[in-house]
Amino acid sequence: MKGNNGGESQANREQQKKKPPFTPAKDDTKPLLQDPILRSDPIETEEAVLRLPSFPVPPPKPTSQ
């Protein structure tokens, strides 16, 4: 009978030693780098791209007849 009781207590110990269910850790890695132009507002991006510096405009040449 001692062997039988010892087996039962060993089974109980094994159940108590069971690991908790696996739960993935929270992802603490940095997010992937993104192109700032692609993630910004398209209208603002278009305005920024279309904004050109002012260039000096040459005076119109007189036409001779």
Protein backbone atom coordinates (compact mmCIF):
# COMPACT_ATOMS: atom_id res chain seq x y z
CA MET A 1 0.00 0.00 0.00
CA LYS A 2 2.88 2.39 0.62
CA GLY A 3 3.89 2.13 -3.02
CA ASN A 4 0.37 2.97 -4.13
CA ASN A 5 0.10 6.01 -1.84
CA GLY A 6 3.56 7.15 -2.86
CA GLY A 7 2.52 7.00 -6.52
CA GLU A 8 -0.58 9.08 -5.89
CA SER A 9 1.30 11.74 -3.96
CA GLN A 10 3.91 11.86 -6.72
CA ALA A 11 1.15 12.40 -9.30
CA ASN A 12 -0.27 15.23 -7.17
CA ARG A 13 3.18 16.82 -6.96
CA GLU A 14 3.56 16.63 -10.73
CA GLN A 15 0.21 18.37 -11.21
CA GLN A 16 1.27 21.14 -8.82
CA LYS A 17 4.57 21.58 -10.70
CA LYS A 18 2.81 22.02 -14.06
CA LYS A 19 3.75 25.19 -15.85
CA PRO A 20 1.07 27.82 -16.41
CA PRO A 21 -0.25 28.08 -19.97
CA PHE A 22 2.01 29.91 -22.39
CA THR A 23 1.15 33.55 -22.93
CA PRO A 24 3.28 35.57 -25.34
CA ALA A 25 5.07 38.55 -23.82
CA LYS A 26 4.00 42.03 -24.80
CA ASP A 27 6.00 43.20 -27.81
CA ASP A 28 8.43 45.84 -26.61
CA THR A 29 10.38 46.15 -29.84
CA LYS A 30 10.54 49.42 -31.69
CA PRO A 31 8.08 49.87 -34.56
CA LEU A 32 9.38 49.60 -38.09
CA LEU A 33 10.75 52.82 -39.45
CA GLN A 34 8.35 54.55 -41.81
CA ASP A 35 8.95 57.18 -44.42
CA PRO A 36 7.67 60.44 -42.89
CA ILE A 37 6.27 61.56 -46.25
CA LEU A 38 4.23 58.37 -46.67
CA ARG A 39 2.71 58.53 -43.19
CA SER A 40 1.87 62.25 -43.28
CA ASP A 41 -1.19 63.96 -44.69
CA PRO A 42 -1.05 63.73 -48.52
CA ILE A 43 -2.33 67.29 -48.98
CA GLU A 44 0.37 68.75 -46.74
CA THR A 45 2.99 66.65 -48.49
CA GLU A 46 1.87 67.85 -51.91
CA GLU A 47 1.92 71.46 -50.76
CA ALA A 48 5.41 71.05 -49.33
CA VAL A 49 6.69 69.49 -52.55
CA LEU A 50 5.07 72.13 -54.76
CA ARG A 51 6.44 75.01 -52.70
CA LEU A 52 9.46 76.20 -54.67
CA PRO A 53 11.81 79.01 -53.79
CA SER A 54 11.23 82.24 -55.65
CA PHE A 55 13.49 82.67 -58.65
CA PRO A 56 14.32 86.06 -60.10
CA VAL A 57 12.20 86.68 -63.17
CA PRO A 58 14.15 88.46 -65.94
CA PRO A 59 12.42 91.54 -67.33
CA PRO A 60 10.74 90.98 -70.70
CA LYS A 61 12.91 91.85 -73.69
CA PRO A 62 11.52 94.51 -75.99
CA THR A 63 10.63 93.17 -79.38
CA SER A 64 12.00 95.11 -82.31
CA GLN A 65 10.00 95.48 -85.49
